[in-house]
Amino acid sequence: MPTRTRSLYGGAIPGGQRFRVLFGTWQSQPSPWAAESFRYTCDDYSGNHLERSTPHGLNIEKTEIHVIPLNGTDASGNIYQGWYPTPMSLIPSHIAVGAPGDAECVTRLRTRTCPGRPLVSIPRFIAELRDMPHLVKQGGDLYRTYFRSGATVRARSQLEAGLRAAQDGLGIYLSTQFGTGPIVSDLRKLMHFQEQFKRRCDELNRLYSGSGLKRRIKLGTYTGQDDTTEAVVSGAGGTWYAQRTRVTTCDVWGTIRWKPTGPITNLPSWSPEIQHRARRALLGMGNQDLGDAWDVFPWSWMVEWFTNMGDILHTNSNRIPAVSSDACIMRHTRSRFVWRRLDHLEVRGGEGFTLRTTKHRSVDVPPAGPTFHLPMMDPWRLSIVGSLAATRHRRVAR
């Protein structure tokens, strides 16, 4: 299929003029101040409708200038008429906002759309129940030691007793986060089981319809920002400054198509077999895979802070045999320079923004293999690390 490029340009923006009291002359701004007020460019493919049914790459670039010129007289008597601050024609580039690469996005896309993905995993749920007796014992020991035994508290300083209580409490916090927390989360999900069951049956109806199951999901929104101060006007009237703020926002989503494999590739809509498969998939029953074993493996949650191993293992679930194709990753990135003058505010204008918008579609991207990355230490992760350090110190001290 041949490629094509289409473009649309806006008219030039003419420069203005200013009267400089020091020289007693009018100065004309180089014209045009900007060669174009906007530019839209689209790179895509042309062809018949049969060829367009296959995903193809796409790239759309838009740039726009929305700046108000200076008009008025400053405190020194200099007159400005339609005068544009020179740096404000600058079109922003995109900030690196930490969005994952296309290959990693495809791995996440496959994991979150796999027809056999579980709502809750009954085998994992049962494995997690083994922590409940230990957690109950921890809570009972904490209560008896620090709330009922006055002699124990009197035998130590209040500070020491408080520290020991805090350390024991942090141990219970960790057990709650990785023991009872997942159990409570699974129970809450089961409260909406009927709704999820209907959705999964609908997905399987489309999967076995002949054309396959096509899914579209959002993979995240990422933002970045920086600020700087720049000189925007200079000359006989002195130097004027403005604050320039750049904000970049990137929305990422993906589409993928799943088709069944194995001996059964076509089933009637809402047949008992489809309902049976949907029910078993939601409960994590049937063929167990490495992803289930990974979830109950000690410290796997921390390994996932640094790798995508969990996504890779869950992607290859075979509870409902299916193969993916036509994976596409779309990115909509917007960067904006916002200008705000800081001085000589008696002159109107000299503010506005410039904008760059990019829309990009990547196709035929293979899923990522195991990758390593440094995680963002958000408050929850910091609380886990702090609790681990405190409980480890307690065990060493004992």
Protein backbone atom coordinates (compact mmCIF):
# COMPACT_ATOMS: atom_id res chain seq x y z
CA MET A 1 0.00 0.00 0.00
CA PRO A 2 1.55 3.36 -1.00
CA THR A 3 2.31 6.00 1.61
CA ARG A 4 1.19 9.58 1.34
CA THR A 5 1.78 12.88 3.12
CA ARG A 6 -0.84 15.59 3.43
CA SER A 7 -0.16 19.08 4.81
CA LEU A 8 -2.14 22.18 5.66
CA TYR A 9 -0.51 25.50 6.52
CA GLY A 10 -1.81 28.69 8.08
CA GLY A 11 -0.91 32.17 6.90
CA ALA A 12 2.17 34.04 8.06
CA ILE A 13 1.99 36.28 11.11
CA PRO A 14 3.25 39.79 10.25
CA GLY A 15 5.48 41.69 12.66
CA GLY A 16 4.57 44.98 14.29
CA GLN A 17 6.40 48.20 15.09
CA ARG A 18 7.49 50.24 18.09
CA PHE A 19 8.50 53.83 18.73
CA ARG A 20 11.74 54.18 20.70
CA VAL A 21 11.87 57.39 22.71
CA LEU A 22 15.66 57.22 23.14
CA PHE A 23 16.22 57.43 19.37
CA GLY A 24 13.01 59.21 18.43
CA THR A 25 12.37 56.72 15.59
CA TRP A 26 9.99 53.94 14.68
CA GLN A 27 11.40 50.42 14.41
CA SER A 28 9.67 47.79 12.28
CA GLN A 29 9.76 44.19 13.37
CA PRO A 30 11.17 41.71 10.82
CA SER A 31 8.23 40.41 8.83
CA PRO A 32 6.86 37.87 8.95
CA TRP A 33 7.33 37.31 12.66
CA ALA A 34 6.31 33.66 12.12
CA ALA A 35 6.26 31.94 8.74
CA GLU A 36 2.96 30.19 9.54
CA SER A 37 0.34 30.38 12.25
CA PHE A 38 -0.22 26.62 12.20
CA ARG A 39 0.87 23.49 10.35
CA TYR A 40 -0.91 20.15 10.12
CA THR A 41 0.93 17.18 8.61
CA CYS A 42 -0.40 13.64 8.21
CA ASP A 43 1.63 10.62 7.06
CA ASP A 44 -0.56 7.62 6.31
CA TYR A 45 -1.43 5.07 3.65
CA SER A 46 -3.83 5.10 0.71
CA GLY A 47 -5.50 2.14 -0.97
CA ASN A 48 -8.74 0.21 -1.36
CA HIS A 49 -11.00 -0.79 1.52
CA LEU A 50 -9.63 -4.36 1.66
CA GLU A 51 -6.12 -3.06 2.25
CA ARG A 52 -7.35 -0.59 4.87
CA SER A 53 -8.78 -3.45 6.93
CA THR A 54 -5.20 -4.27 7.93
CA PRO A 55 -3.63 -1.92 10.53
CA HIS A 56 -1.07 0.50 9.14
CA GLY A 57 1.20 3.08 10.69
CA LEU A 58 0.07 6.65 11.17
CA ASN A 59 1.78 9.87 12.19
CA ILE A 60 0.02 13.23 12.61
CA GLU A 61 1.90 16.37 13.63
CA LYS A 62 0.22 19.68 14.50
CA THR A 63 1.86 22.95 15.53
CA GLU A 64 -0.02 26.12 16.46
CA ILE A 65 0.86 29.63 17.63
CA HIS A 66 -1.56 31.60 19.81
CA VAL A 67 0.26 34.73 21.01
CA ILE A 68 -1.21 38.19 21.64
CA PRO A 69 1.08 41.02 20.44
CA LEU A 70 2.17 43.94 22.60
CA ASN A 71 0.02 47.07 22.31
CA GLY A 72 0.42 50.16 24.47
CA THR A 73 2.94 52.54 26.00
CA ASP A 74 5.41 51.58 28.69
CA ALA A 75 6.57 53.70 31.63
CA SER A 76 9.44 55.16 29.55
CA GLY A 77 7.11 56.36 26.78
CA ASN A 78 8.00 53.67 24.21
CA ILE A 79 5.02 52.80 22.04
CA TYR A 80 4.28 49.25 20.91
CA GLN A 81 1.87 48.48 18.09
CA GLY A 82 1.33 44.80 17.24
CA TRP A 83 4.85 43.95 18.42
CA TYR A 84 5.45 40.22 19.04
CA PRO A 85 8.04 39.11 21.61
CA THR A 86 10.58 37.19 19.52
CA PRO A 87 11.02 33.95 21.58
CA MET A 88 7.28 33.37 21.79
CA SER A 89 7.18 31.89 18.28
CA LEU A 90 9.14 28.87 19.54
CA ILE A 91 7.29 25.57 19.13
CA PRO A 92 7.86 23.21 22.08
CA SER A 93 9.44 19.80 21.83
CA HIS A 94 8.07 16.91 23.87
CA ILE A 95 9.45 16.19 27.34
CA ALA A 96 10.40 12.61 28.16
CA VAL A 97 7.52 11.67 30.48
CA GLY A 98 8.53 8.11 31.29
CA ALA A 99 5.96 6.33 29.14
CA PRO A 100 6.83 2.67 28.46
CA GLY A 101 8.11 1.63 25.06
CA ASP A 102 5.94 0.04 22.39
CA ALA A 103 7.14 -3.51 23.12
CA GLU A 104 6.38 -3.21 26.84
CA CYS A 105 2.98 -1.69 26.01
CA VAL A 106 2.16 -4.70 23.81
CA THR A 107 3.04 -7.04 26.69
CA ARG A 108 0.70 -5.13 29.02
CA LEU A 109 -1.97 -5.05 26.31
CA ARG A 110 -1.86 -8.83 25.87
CA THR A 111 -1.91 -9.43 29.63
CA ARG A 112 -4.94 -7.20 30.24
CA THR A 113 -6.98 -8.44 27.27
CA CYS A 114 -6.20 -12.18 27.26
CA PRO A 115 -9.57 -14.03 27.11
CA GLY A 116 -8.42 -16.44 29.83
CA ARG A 117 -7.32 -13.80 32.37
CA PRO A 118 -8.78 -14.49 35.84
CA LEU A 119 -10.90 -12.11 37.89
CA VAL A 120 -9.76 -13.94 41.02
CA SER A 121 -7.63 -17.06 41.26
CA ILE A 122 -9.18 -19.63 43.55
CA PRO A 123 -5.94 -21.66 43.85
CA ARG A 124 -4.05 -18.49 44.74
CA PHE A 125 -6.84 -17.48 47.16
CA ILE A 126 -6.50 -20.78 48.99
CA ALA A 127 -2.70 -20.43 49.10
CA GLU A 128 -3.02 -16.97 50.65
CA LEU A 129 -5.33 -18.24 53.40
CA ARG A 130 -2.34 -19.92 55.07
CA ASP A 131 -1.23 -16.49 56.34
CA MET A 132 -4.46 -15.85 58.25
CA PRO A 133 -3.64 -17.87 61.43
CA HIS A 134 -0.22 -16.21 61.67
CA LEU A 135 -1.77 -12.75 61.30
CA VAL A 136 -4.38 -13.44 63.99
CA LYS A 137 -1.62 -14.67 66.31
CA GLN A 138 0.43 -11.50 65.64
CA GLY A 139 -2.53 -9.30 66.51
CA GLY A 140 -3.24 -11.24 69.70
CA ASP A 141 0.38 -11.08 70.82
CA LEU A 142 0.50 -7.34 70.20
CA TYR A 143 -2.67 -6.78 72.22
CA ARG A 144 -1.58 -8.94 75.17
CA THR A 145 1.94 -7.50 75.27
CA TYR A 146 1.27 -3.77 74.98
CA PHE A 147 -2.36 -3.22 75.95
CA ARG A 148 -3.15 -5.73 78.69
CA SER A 149 0.17 -6.37 80.45
CA GLY A 150 0.89 -3.32 82.56
CA ALA A 151 3.88 -5.00 84.21
CA THR A 152 5.59 -5.38 80.85
CA VAL A 153 5.27 -1.68 80.11
CA ARG A 154 6.41 -0.66 83.60
CA ALA A 155 9.50 -2.87 83.29
CA ARG A 156 10.80 -0.77 80.38
CA SER A 157 10.93 2.84 79.51
CA GLN A 158 7.88 4.16 77.70
CA LEU A 159 10.02 5.04 74.69
CA GLU A 160 11.38 1.51 74.33
CA ALA A 161 7.92 0.02 74.74
CA GLY A 162 6.56 2.39 72.10
CA LEU A 163 9.26 1.49 69.62
CA ARG A 164 8.71 -2.23 70.11
CA ALA A 165 4.96 -1.77 69.69
CA ALA A 166 5.51 0.23 66.51
CA GLN A 167 7.82 -2.43 65.09
CA ASP A 168 5.33 -5.19 65.85
CA GLY A 169 2.60 -3.04 64.32
CA LEU A 170 4.63 -2.62 61.14
CA GLY A 171 4.93 -6.40 60.93
CA ILE A 172 1.14 -6.63 61.07
CA TYR A 173 0.94 -3.89 58.42
CA LEU A 174 3.09 -5.96 56.06
CA SER A 175 1.03 -9.07 56.72
CA THR A 176 -2.11 -7.07 55.98
CA GLN A 177 -0.75 -5.65 52.73
CA PHE A 178 0.39 -9.01 51.36
CA GLY A 179 -1.79 -11.42 53.31
CA THR A 180 -5.30 -10.24 54.12
CA GLY A 181 -5.20 -7.33 51.63
CA PRO A 182 -5.29 -9.55 48.52
CA ILE A 183 -7.93 -11.76 50.15
CA VAL A 184 -10.22 -8.81 50.87
CA SER A 185 -9.61 -7.49 47.35
CA ASP A 186 -10.63 -10.87 45.87
CA LEU A 187 -13.79 -10.93 48.00
CA ARG A 188 -14.74 -7.45 46.79
CA LYS A 189 -14.24 -8.56 43.18
CA LEU A 190 -16.45 -11.60 43.77
CA MET A 191 -19.27 -9.26 44.82
CA HIS A 192 -19.38 -8.13 41.16
CA PHE A 193 -18.93 -11.61 39.73
CA GLN A 194 -22.25 -11.68 37.85
CA GLU A 195 -21.48 -8.44 36.05
CA GLN A 196 -18.01 -9.66 35.11
CA PHE A 197 -19.44 -13.00 34.05
CA LYS A 198 -21.75 -11.32 31.53
CA ARG A 199 -18.88 -9.25 30.16
CA ARG A 200 -16.64 -12.27 29.78
CA CYS A 201 -19.38 -14.24 28.04
CA ASP A 202 -19.80 -11.33 25.63
CA GLU A 203 -16.05 -11.38 24.95
CA LEU A 204 -16.09 -15.12 24.31
CA ASN A 205 -19.11 -14.75 22.00
CA ARG A 206 -17.06 -12.38 19.89
CA LEU A 207 -13.97 -14.57 20.18
CA TYR A 208 -15.78 -17.58 18.69
CA SER A 209 -17.86 -15.55 16.19
CA GLY A 210 -15.39 -16.01 13.33
CA SER A 211 -13.91 -12.51 13.15
CA GLY A 212 -12.27 -12.78 16.57
CA LEU A 213 -12.27 -10.58 19.65
CA LYS A 214 -10.99 -7.04 19.20
CA ARG A 215 -10.17 -5.09 22.36
CA ARG A 216 -9.16 -1.49 22.98
CA ILE A 217 -7.83 -0.46 26.38
CA LYS A 218 -6.09 2.57 27.84
CA LEU A 219 -2.51 1.93 28.95
CA GLY A 220 -1.87 5.12 30.91
CA THR A 221 -1.48 8.89 30.93
CA TYR A 222 1.95 10.38 31.58
CA THR A 223 2.84 14.01 32.23
CA GLY A 224 5.95 16.15 32.62
CA GLN A 225 6.60 19.85 33.25
CA ASP A 226 9.47 22.32 33.37
CA ASP A 227 9.73 26.09 33.91
CA THR A 228 12.21 28.76 32.96
CA THR A 229 12.49 32.55 32.72
CA GLU A 230 13.51 34.13 29.43
CA ALA A 231 14.12 37.61 28.07
CA VAL A 232 11.38 38.34 25.54
CA VAL A 233 11.89 42.03 24.71
CA SER A 234 15.15 44.01 24.62
CA GLY A 235 16.33 47.32 23.25
CA ALA A 236 15.80 50.95 24.12
CA GLY A 237 12.98 50.07 26.54
CA GLY A 238 15.17 47.76 28.60
CA THR A 239 14.89 43.99 28.92
CA TRP A 240 11.54 42.40 29.63
CA TYR A 241 11.18 38.91 31.07
CA ALA A 242 8.51 36.25 30.95
CA GLN A 243 8.00 32.89 32.58
CA ARG A 244 7.79 29.99 30.15
CA THR A 245 6.08 26.82 31.37
CA ARG A 246 6.17 23.67 29.28
CA VAL A 247 3.70 20.87 29.99
CA THR A 248 3.73 17.56 28.12
CA THR A 249 0.91 15.02 28.37
CA CYS A 250 1.02 11.62 26.69
CA ASP A 251 -2.02 9.31 26.45
CA VAL A 252 -1.24 5.72 25.50
CA TRP A 253 -3.76 3.09 24.45
CA GLY A 254 -3.73 -0.07 22.40
CA THR A 255 -5.89 -2.35 20.28
CA ILE A 256 -5.47 -6.06 19.67
CA ARG A 257 -7.37 -8.93 18.10
CA TRP A 258 -7.65 -12.43 19.60
CA LYS A 259 -8.65 -15.55 17.70
CA PRO A 260 -9.27 -19.02 19.16
CA THR A 261 -6.91 -21.93 18.62
CA GLY A 262 -7.19 -25.62 19.31
CA PRO A 263 -9.87 -28.10 18.30
CA ILE A 264 -12.80 -25.75 19.02
CA THR A 265 -12.77 -22.48 17.09
CA ASN A 266 -16.51 -21.81 16.69
CA LEU A 267 -19.24 -21.90 19.34
CA PRO A 268 -22.86 -20.62 19.34
CA SER A 269 -23.47 -17.39 21.25
CA TRP A 270 -24.27 -17.86 24.95
CA SER A 271 -23.98 -21.62 24.64
CA PRO A 272 -23.46 -23.65 27.85
CA GLU A 273 -19.87 -24.29 26.76
CA ILE A 274 -19.13 -20.55 26.49
CA GLN A 275 -20.64 -19.91 29.92
CA HIS A 276 -18.66 -22.81 31.37
CA ARG A 277 -15.40 -21.46 29.91
CA ALA A 278 -16.14 -17.93 31.09
CA ARG A 279 -16.86 -19.10 34.63
CA ARG A 280 -13.71 -21.19 34.88
CA ALA A 281 -11.54 -18.41 33.43
CA LEU A 282 -12.88 -15.79 35.86
CA LEU A 283 -12.21 -18.06 38.85
CA GLY A 284 -8.74 -19.04 37.64
CA MET A 285 -9.70 -22.69 37.37
CA GLY A 286 -8.63 -25.20 34.75
CA ASN A 287 -5.15 -25.28 33.30
CA GLN A 288 -2.74 -23.61 35.71
CA ASP A 289 0.18 -21.66 34.29
CA LEU A 290 3.40 -20.14 35.52
CA GLY A 291 1.63 -16.86 36.28
CA ASP A 292 -0.37 -18.51 39.08
CA ALA A 293 2.78 -19.97 40.62
CA TRP A 294 4.52 -16.61 40.28
CA ASP A 295 1.79 -14.80 42.24
CA VAL A 296 2.28 -16.97 45.34
CA PHE A 297 6.07 -17.09 45.07
CA PRO A 298 7.71 -15.24 48.02
CA TRP A 299 8.93 -11.74 47.18
CA SER A 300 7.55 -11.86 43.63
CA TRP A 301 5.76 -8.56 44.33
CA MET A 302 9.09 -6.81 44.91
CA VAL A 303 10.67 -8.39 41.83
CA GLU A 304 7.82 -6.86 39.80
CA TRP A 305 8.90 -3.41 40.99
CA PHE A 306 12.01 -3.85 38.86
CA THR A 307 10.93 -6.20 36.04
CA ASN A 308 7.92 -7.06 33.87
CA MET A 309 8.20 -10.77 34.69
CA GLY A 310 4.65 -11.01 36.04
CA ASP A 311 3.12 -9.54 32.86
CA ILE A 312 5.13 -11.92 30.67
CA LEU A 313 4.05 -15.02 32.62
CA HIS A 314 0.36 -14.01 32.73
CA THR A 315 0.36 -13.19 29.00
CA ASN A 316 0.92 -16.84 28.16
CA SER A 317 -2.18 -18.07 30.00
CA ASN A 318 -3.79 -21.02 28.19
CA ARG A 319 -7.07 -21.35 30.08
CA ILE A 320 -8.83 -20.33 26.87
CA PRO A 321 -6.58 -21.21 23.91
CA ALA A 322 -6.23 -18.11 21.75
CA VAL A 323 -3.60 -16.26 19.76
CA SER A 324 -3.24 -12.48 19.40
CA SER A 325 -2.59 -10.46 16.26
CA ASP A 326 -2.86 -6.92 14.85
CA ALA A 327 -1.49 -5.31 18.04
CA CYS A 328 -1.36 -1.52 17.66
CA ILE A 329 -0.04 1.06 20.11
CA MET A 330 -1.33 4.63 19.85
CA ARG A 331 0.19 7.69 21.48
CA HIS A 332 -1.38 11.13 21.67
CA THR A 333 1.26 13.56 22.93
CA ARG A 334 0.62 17.26 23.57
CA SER A 335 3.24 19.83 24.57
CA ARG A 336 2.43 23.44 25.31
CA PHE A 337 4.62 26.49 25.95
CA VAL A 338 2.66 28.93 28.13
CA TRP A 339 4.13 32.44 28.36
CA ARG A 340 3.39 34.87 31.22
CA ARG A 341 5.14 38.24 31.37
CA LEU A 342 6.69 39.26 34.67
CA ASP A 343 7.26 43.01 34.22
CA HIS A 344 6.16 46.13 32.28
CA LEU A 345 2.59 45.00 32.72
CA GLU A 346 1.30 48.45 31.76
CA VAL A 347 1.62 47.27 28.16
CA ARG A 348 -1.11 44.86 27.16
CA GLY A 349 -0.46 41.56 25.38
CA GLY A 350 2.79 39.71 25.03
CA GLU A 351 1.30 36.49 26.40
CA GLY A 352 -0.12 33.27 24.97
CA PHE A 353 0.96 29.77 24.12
CA THR A 354 2.39 27.60 21.37
CA LEU A 355 1.34 24.00 20.92
CA ARG A 356 2.72 20.81 19.42
CA THR A 357 0.45 17.76 19.07
CA THR A 358 1.64 14.36 17.86
CA LYS A 359 -0.52 11.33 17.14
CA HIS A 360 1.37 8.14 16.36
CA ARG A 361 0.31 4.56 15.68
CA SER A 362 2.80 1.69 15.83
CA VAL A 363 1.90 -1.66 14.30
CA ASP A 364 3.44 -5.14 14.21
CA VAL A 365 5.35 -4.53 17.44
CA PRO A 366 6.52 -7.78 19.08
CA PRO A 367 5.94 -8.12 22.85
CA ALA A 368 8.84 -7.30 25.12
CA GLY A 369 11.05 -9.86 26.74
CA PRO A 370 12.14 -9.53 30.37
CA THR A 371 13.22 -5.97 31.11
CA PHE A 372 14.74 -4.21 34.11
CA HIS A 373 13.89 -0.71 35.28
CA LEU A 374 14.16 1.42 38.41
CA PRO A 375 10.73 1.95 40.00
CA MET A 376 9.23 5.26 41.05
CA MET A 377 9.24 5.23 44.86
CA ASP A 378 5.71 6.42 45.59
CA PRO A 379 4.37 6.75 49.19
CA TRP A 380 3.04 3.18 49.26
CA ARG A 381 6.36 1.66 48.19
CA LEU A 382 8.23 3.83 50.68
CA SER A 383 5.92 2.58 53.44
CA ILE A 384 6.66 -1.03 52.48
CA VAL A 385 10.43 -0.48 52.40
CA GLY A 386 10.33 1.37 55.73
CA SER A 387 8.28 -1.38 57.35
CA LEU A 388 10.66 -4.06 56.07
CA ALA A 389 13.65 -2.15 57.44
CA ALA A 390 12.01 -1.66 60.85
CA THR A 391 10.94 -5.28 61.24
CA ARG A 392 14.36 -6.49 60.07
CA HIS A 393 16.05 -4.27 62.67
CA ARG A 394 13.72 -5.68 65.31
CA ARG A 395 14.67 -9.29 64.47
CA VAL A 396 18.39 -8.45 64.54
CA ALA A 397 18.04 -6.63 67.89
CA ARG A 398 16.32 -9.62 69.42
